[in-house]
Amino acid sequence: MVKLNNQQLIEQVQSPFLKKNLPKIRIGDSLKVGVKIIEGNKERTQFYEGTIIAKKNFSISLAITVRKTLQNTGVERILLLHSPKVDSVIVLKSSKIRRSKLYYLRSLNGKAGRLKQKF
């Protein structure tokens, strides 16, 4: 009988729930995330498009904060990437940044809140 330590046991339990088709995402990327919405007995996919301003944890509990601006009002959403509610993740563009959290974008509006694109 092979003994497993706690970390190996946790990885063994979590591995079937990890999504394998996620792209490499970084802070500052512009994303288009498809989120499953249930209305009554119907299910549809609603896309949420914005910039990643924070990334937390790793493995199955990987969470990102996505920010978008609608009519000069900032809207942020925290998404668990390995959740069954997240249908698809598409990276639209990557930005050149030097911070691990982009919370300073909350105080900027208009053209000041743009990030330089990385090619």
C-alpha atoms as a PDB file:
ATOM      1  CA  MET A   1       0.000   0.000   0.000  1.00  0.00           C
ATOM      2  CA  VAL A   2       1.399   3.389  -1.049  1.00  0.00           C
ATOM      3  CA  LYS A   3       0.997   6.218   1.444  1.00  0.00           C
ATOM      4  CA  LEU A   4       0.138   9.655   0.046  1.00  0.00           C
ATOM      5  CA  ASN A   5       0.922  12.854   1.866  1.00  0.00           C
ATOM      6  CA  ASN A   6      -1.745  15.526   2.249  1.00  0.00           C
ATOM      7  CA  GLN A   7      -0.643  17.601  -0.736  1.00  0.00           C
ATOM      8  CA  GLN A   8      -0.710  14.643  -3.134  1.00  0.00           C
ATOM      9  CA  LEU A   9      -4.137  13.650  -1.842  1.00  0.00           C
ATOM     10  CA  ILE A  10      -5.502  17.155  -2.426  1.00  0.00           C
ATOM     11  CA  GLU A  11      -4.099  17.223  -5.982  1.00  0.00           C
ATOM     12  CA  GLN A  12      -5.605  13.823  -6.703  1.00  0.00           C
ATOM     13  CA  VAL A  13      -9.065  14.988  -5.605  1.00  0.00           C
ATOM     14  CA  GLN A  14      -8.877  18.338  -7.458  1.00  0.00           C
ATOM     15  CA  SER A  15      -7.442  17.126 -10.779  1.00  0.00           C
ATOM     16  CA  PRO A  16     -10.731  15.959 -12.396  1.00  0.00           C
ATOM     17  CA  PHE A  17     -12.241  19.434 -11.863  1.00  0.00           C
ATOM     18  CA  LEU A  18      -9.395  21.463 -13.383  1.00  0.00           C
ATOM     19  CA  LYS A  19     -10.035  22.872 -16.859  1.00  0.00           C
ATOM     20  CA  LYS A  20      -7.346  21.929 -19.350  1.00  0.00           C
ATOM     21  CA  ASN A  21      -8.270  24.335 -22.170  1.00  0.00           C
ATOM     22  CA  LEU A  22      -7.621  27.666 -20.392  1.00  0.00           C
ATOM     23  CA  PRO A  23      -5.234  30.081 -22.149  1.00  0.00           C
ATOM     24  CA  LYS A  24      -2.243  31.650 -20.390  1.00  0.00           C
ATOM     25  CA  ILE A  25      -3.602  34.777 -18.742  1.00  0.00           C
ATOM     26  CA  ARG A  26      -1.666  37.580 -17.097  1.00  0.00           C
ATOM     27  CA  ILE A  27      -2.478  40.794 -15.289  1.00  0.00           C
ATOM     28  CA  GLY A  28      -3.377  43.539 -17.770  1.00  0.00           C
ATOM     29  CA  ASP A  29      -4.851  41.204 -20.402  1.00  0.00           C
ATOM     30  CA  SER A  30      -8.162  42.125 -21.983  1.00  0.00           C
ATOM     31  CA  LEU A  31     -10.487  39.138 -21.794  1.00  0.00           C
ATOM     32  CA  LYS A  32     -13.811  38.002 -23.092  1.00  0.00           C
ATOM     33  CA  VAL A  33     -15.264  35.541 -20.575  1.00  0.00           C
ATOM     34  CA  GLY A  34     -18.373  33.492 -21.320  1.00  0.00           C
ATOM     35  CA  VAL A  35     -20.430  33.019 -18.139  1.00  0.00           C
ATOM     36  CA  LYS A  36     -23.351  30.585 -18.023  1.00  0.00           C
ATOM     37  CA  ILE A  37     -26.593  32.229 -16.899  1.00  0.00           C
ATOM     38  CA  ILE A  38     -29.690  30.246 -15.904  1.00  0.00           C
ATOM     39  CA  GLU A  39     -33.030  31.994 -16.482  1.00  0.00           C
ATOM     40  CA  GLY A  40     -35.966  29.854 -15.433  1.00  0.00           C
ATOM     41  CA  ASN A  41     -35.340  26.517 -17.125  1.00  0.00           C
ATOM     42  CA  LYS A  42     -33.166  27.941 -19.927  1.00  0.00           C
ATOM     43  CA  GLU A  43     -29.393  28.253 -19.903  1.00  0.00           C
ATOM     44  CA  ARG A  44     -27.424  30.713 -22.012  1.00  0.00           C
ATOM     45  CA  THR A  45     -23.914  32.161 -22.210  1.00  0.00           C
ATOM     46  CA  GLN A  46     -23.380  35.851 -21.475  1.00  0.00           C
ATOM     47  CA  PHE A  47     -20.023  37.377 -22.358  1.00  0.00           C
ATOM     48  CA  TYR A  48     -18.227  39.690 -19.938  1.00  0.00           C
ATOM     49  CA  GLU A  49     -15.410  41.721 -21.465  1.00  0.00           C
ATOM     50  CA  GLY A  50     -12.815  43.654 -19.488  1.00  0.00           C
ATOM     51  CA  THR A  51      -9.254  43.946 -18.171  1.00  0.00           C
ATOM     52  CA  ILE A  52      -7.718  41.707 -15.514  1.00  0.00           C
ATOM     53  CA  ILE A  53      -6.669  43.917 -12.596  1.00  0.00           C
ATOM     54  CA  ALA A  54      -5.925  41.179 -10.038  1.00  0.00           C
ATOM     55  CA  LYS A  55      -5.200  37.473  -9.875  1.00  0.00           C
ATOM     56  CA  LYS A  56      -5.458  35.424  -6.671  1.00  0.00           C
ATOM     57  CA  ASN A  57      -4.553  31.897  -5.597  1.00  0.00           C
ATOM     58  CA  PHE A  58      -3.680  29.023  -7.932  1.00  0.00           C
ATOM     59  CA  SER A  59      -4.884  25.578  -8.988  1.00  0.00           C
ATOM     60  CA  ILE A  60      -8.621  25.019  -8.542  1.00  0.00           C
ATOM     61  CA  SER A  61      -9.197  28.219  -6.534  1.00  0.00           C
ATOM     62  CA  LEU A  62      -7.677  30.543  -9.169  1.00  0.00           C
ATOM     63  CA  ALA A  63      -9.716  33.759  -9.147  1.00  0.00           C
ATOM     64  CA  ILE A  64      -9.354  36.843 -11.337  1.00  0.00           C
ATOM     65  CA  THR A  65     -10.861  40.297 -10.976  1.00  0.00           C
ATOM     66  CA  VAL A  66     -12.072  41.677 -14.300  1.00  0.00           C
ATOM     67  CA  ARG A  67     -12.882  45.380 -14.646  1.00  0.00           C
ATOM     68  CA  LYS A  68     -14.819  47.136 -17.371  1.00  0.00           C
ATOM     69  CA  THR A  69     -16.155  50.674 -17.655  1.00  0.00           C
ATOM     70  CA  LEU A  70     -19.748  51.366 -18.664  1.00  0.00           C
ATOM     71  CA  GLN A  71     -20.839  55.005 -19.119  1.00  0.00           C
ATOM     72  CA  ASN A  72     -18.079  56.308 -16.805  1.00  0.00           C
ATOM     73  CA  THR A  73     -18.960  53.755 -14.117  1.00  0.00           C
ATOM     74  CA  GLY A  74     -16.472  50.999 -13.287  1.00  0.00           C
ATOM     75  CA  VAL A  75     -17.835  47.483 -12.888  1.00  0.00           C
ATOM     76  CA  GLU A  76     -15.674  44.734 -11.394  1.00  0.00           C
ATOM     77  CA  ARG A  77     -16.395  41.055 -11.254  1.00  0.00           C
ATOM     78  CA  ILE A  78     -14.476  38.301  -9.488  1.00  0.00           C
ATOM     79  CA  LEU A  79     -14.500  35.060 -11.477  1.00  0.00           C
ATOM     80  CA  LEU A  80     -13.312  31.611 -10.443  1.00  0.00           C
ATOM     81  CA  LEU A  81     -11.755  30.280 -13.650  1.00  0.00           C
ATOM     82  CA  HIS A  82     -12.240  26.580 -12.894  1.00  0.00           C
ATOM     83  CA  SER A  83     -15.909  27.069 -11.942  1.00  0.00           C
ATOM     84  CA  PRO A  84     -18.520  25.219 -14.014  1.00  0.00           C
ATOM     85  CA  LYS A  85     -20.242  28.600 -14.551  1.00  0.00           C
ATOM     86  CA  VAL A  86     -17.295  29.881 -16.633  1.00  0.00           C
ATOM     87  CA  ASP A  87     -17.815  28.543 -20.132  1.00  0.00           C
ATOM     88  CA  SER A  88     -14.991  30.072 -22.178  1.00  0.00           C
ATOM     89  CA  VAL A  89     -12.056  32.472 -21.803  1.00  0.00           C
ATOM     90  CA  ILE A  90     -10.663  34.359 -24.793  1.00  0.00           C
ATOM     91  CA  VAL A  91      -7.635  36.684 -24.551  1.00  0.00           C
ATOM     92  CA  LEU A  92      -8.244  39.688 -26.801  1.00  0.00           C
ATOM     93  CA  LYS A  93      -5.005  41.598 -26.163  1.00  0.00           C
ATOM     94  CA  SER A  94      -2.090  41.702 -23.726  1.00  0.00           C
ATOM     95  CA  SER A  95      -0.738  44.837 -22.101  1.00  0.00           C
ATOM     96  CA  LYS A  96       2.730  45.817 -20.971  1.00  0.00           C
ATOM     97  CA  ILE A  97       2.585  46.346 -17.212  1.00  0.00           C
ATOM     98  CA  ARG A  98       4.960  46.406 -14.259  1.00  0.00           C
ATOM     99  CA  ARG A  99       2.560  45.781 -11.382  1.00  0.00           C
ATOM    100  CA  SER A 100       0.977  42.668  -9.934  1.00  0.00           C
ATOM    101  CA  LYS A 101      -2.287  44.440  -9.061  1.00  0.00           C
ATOM    102  CA  LEU A 102      -3.758  47.237 -11.184  1.00  0.00           C
ATOM    103  CA  TYR A 103      -5.987  48.816  -8.541  1.00  0.00           C
ATOM    104  CA  TYR A 104      -4.803  52.272  -9.616  1.00  0.00           C
ATOM    105  CA  LEU A 105      -7.065  51.949 -12.680  1.00  0.00           C
ATOM    106  CA  ARG A 106     -10.046  52.502 -10.365  1.00  0.00           C
ATOM    107  CA  SER A 107      -9.156  56.168  -9.942  1.00  0.00           C
ATOM    108  CA  LEU A 108      -8.482  56.800 -13.658  1.00  0.00           C
ATOM    109  CA  ASN A 109     -11.114  57.377 -16.310  1.00  0.00           C
ATOM    110  CA  GLY A 110     -11.200  57.966 -20.035  1.00  0.00           C
ATOM    111  CA  LYS A 111      -7.971  57.814 -21.994  1.00  0.00           C
ATOM    112  CA  ALA A 112      -5.866  57.899 -18.812  1.00  0.00           C
ATOM    113  CA  GLY A 113      -7.045  54.383 -17.956  1.00  0.00           C
ATOM    114  CA  ARG A 114      -5.628  52.818 -21.119  1.00  0.00           C
ATOM    115  CA  LEU A 115      -2.736  50.362 -20.962  1.00  0.00           C
ATOM    116  CA  LYS A 116       0.062  50.059 -23.522  1.00  0.00           C
ATOM    117  CA  GLN A 117      -0.400  47.033 -25.749  1.00  0.00           C
ATOM    118  CA  LYS A 118       2.272  44.336 -25.856  1.00  0.00           C
ATOM    119  CA  PHE A 119       2.921  42.883 -29.313  1.00  0.00           C
END
